[in-house]
Each structure stands twice: as C-alpha cells, then as structure tokens.
Amino acid sequence: MGKFTTIFWDLDQTILDFAKSQDYALRYAFRQFGLETEAETVSLYAAINDTYWKRMERGEITKDEVLRGRFVTLFERMGIVDIQPETFGDIYQDALGDVFFFQDEADKLIMQLKERGFCQYIVTNGVNKTQAKKVRLSGLDQMVDGVFVSELIGYPKPRKEYFDACFEQLAGITREECILVGDSITSDMQGGINAGIAVCWYNPDRQSNCSGLAIDYEIQDLHELMPILDYAAWDARRLV
C-alpha cells in the first residue's frame, strides 16, 4: 500500500459537523426551560465551550469541570439564576448525541478508504456516552476499525500518554505508517506531533497557523486526503 496504512480521524468538526449539532443541542436544551435561543447565545456558548476544552487539553482542569463549568460561565454571562447547570448539561449532552451531520461527505470517503484496505480509527476527547451514540447512529461503527475515547483511556489529546495507550491496542501497526487528520491545532496536530506520527490539518476556513508547529499536510476538503495518501504510497515505492 505504501507509506500510510492507518488513519486516525478526529470526530467532531472533522468527520462530523460539530457546530451544527451544538447549535441544535443548545437550542433544544433551552426550549426545555421555555426559552428560545438567539444566534448570539450560540456563539457565546461556543466560545466559552472552546475555552474550557482547551484548558482541559493543557491539563488545567478535568473533563467534569468542563462539563459543568461551561454552563456556569454561560449562565453568569446571561444573568440566568434559576437553571441548574448540571440539569441543563445533562439535557444538552443527550441532545448532542441525537443528531449528526457529515462534513464533505466524509462517510463516502471513509468507505472508499476502507475498500482500499486502510485501517481507520476515531480519536476523540468527547464524552463517551455522546460519542458512542453518534458513532452508532451515523453508522461509523460499521465503517471504522475502532474508537479511542480519552474518557476511557484516562488521558486527553494531545497528551502523548493518550496515543501511547492507543498504540498498545494496535498490535503490528507502527507510528511511521499512521497519519492523524483533525481540525484542531492544539488537540489534533499537537497530539499527533507528541505521538510521533504524521499530521494533516483539516482547515476548511483557511485559518492561519500561528502555533509554530510544523504540520505535515493541510487540506480544505476531506477528499483532498486521497491524493496525499496516493503520493505517499508512490513516494514510498520510488524509494525502495
């Protein structure tokens, strides 16, 4: 096959459009309390949520603190005092797993890669219950070879220990033949670099890389991964 035989996929905002699911879940949760949600509220929550997850990636807080704290902060900013963050969070989290939206027809791409013999695994920091539901409802459980959820492993991306634990379960697969595809520089790209594997930044919005990280590949559409894999295979054969 060539250089790469195994693909690690980030799930949210890479394979699946997390922003759409987040919008749905937040609006649904607020409706359960008789409140309608403005676009500004969704944007505010998205920014708060992102900040909390990045703090977890840096090891500053735990996942439990993320799941509660983001709504504590949101309600403080909105002046809401009569909704319990834990209750709201449970409703939101359940709703988050009820819908899925593929990015760039990712399901078709994953099936094409499966037919070509690539091993494919999902690597995610998301909540296990929610991710398991989304993977099942979307049919991804029938497309990929496995799912590694940080909640079960005990370490989040981008920690090297997270990827070490993944490789302990992947007998016979070397890091040289793996590539990680994801949208987050701090979680996915940094994680792949920490793990010693190639990384491909999914960057549909053409953001600037201000991280200083040396990223191997960059794509704006997931299907651009295919020629990267083809070239790597050709280059590997050429050097034999």
Foldseek 3Di string as FASTA:
>chain_A
DFFAQEEEEAPDVTFWPLLVLLVQLLQVLVVVVVDGDDPVLSVLLVVLLVVLVLCVQVVNDPVVCSLQVSVVVSCVVVVNDPDHSVVSSVSSLVSSLPDTHGALPSVVVLQVSVVVNGAYEYEYQDDPVSVVSNCVVVVVVVRHDYYQYCVVQVGAFLDLSSVVSVVVVVPPDDQRNYEYEDADCSGGVSSNVSVVHAYEHAHLVPDDPPPPDDHDHYDNHPVVVVVVVVVNRVVRVVVD
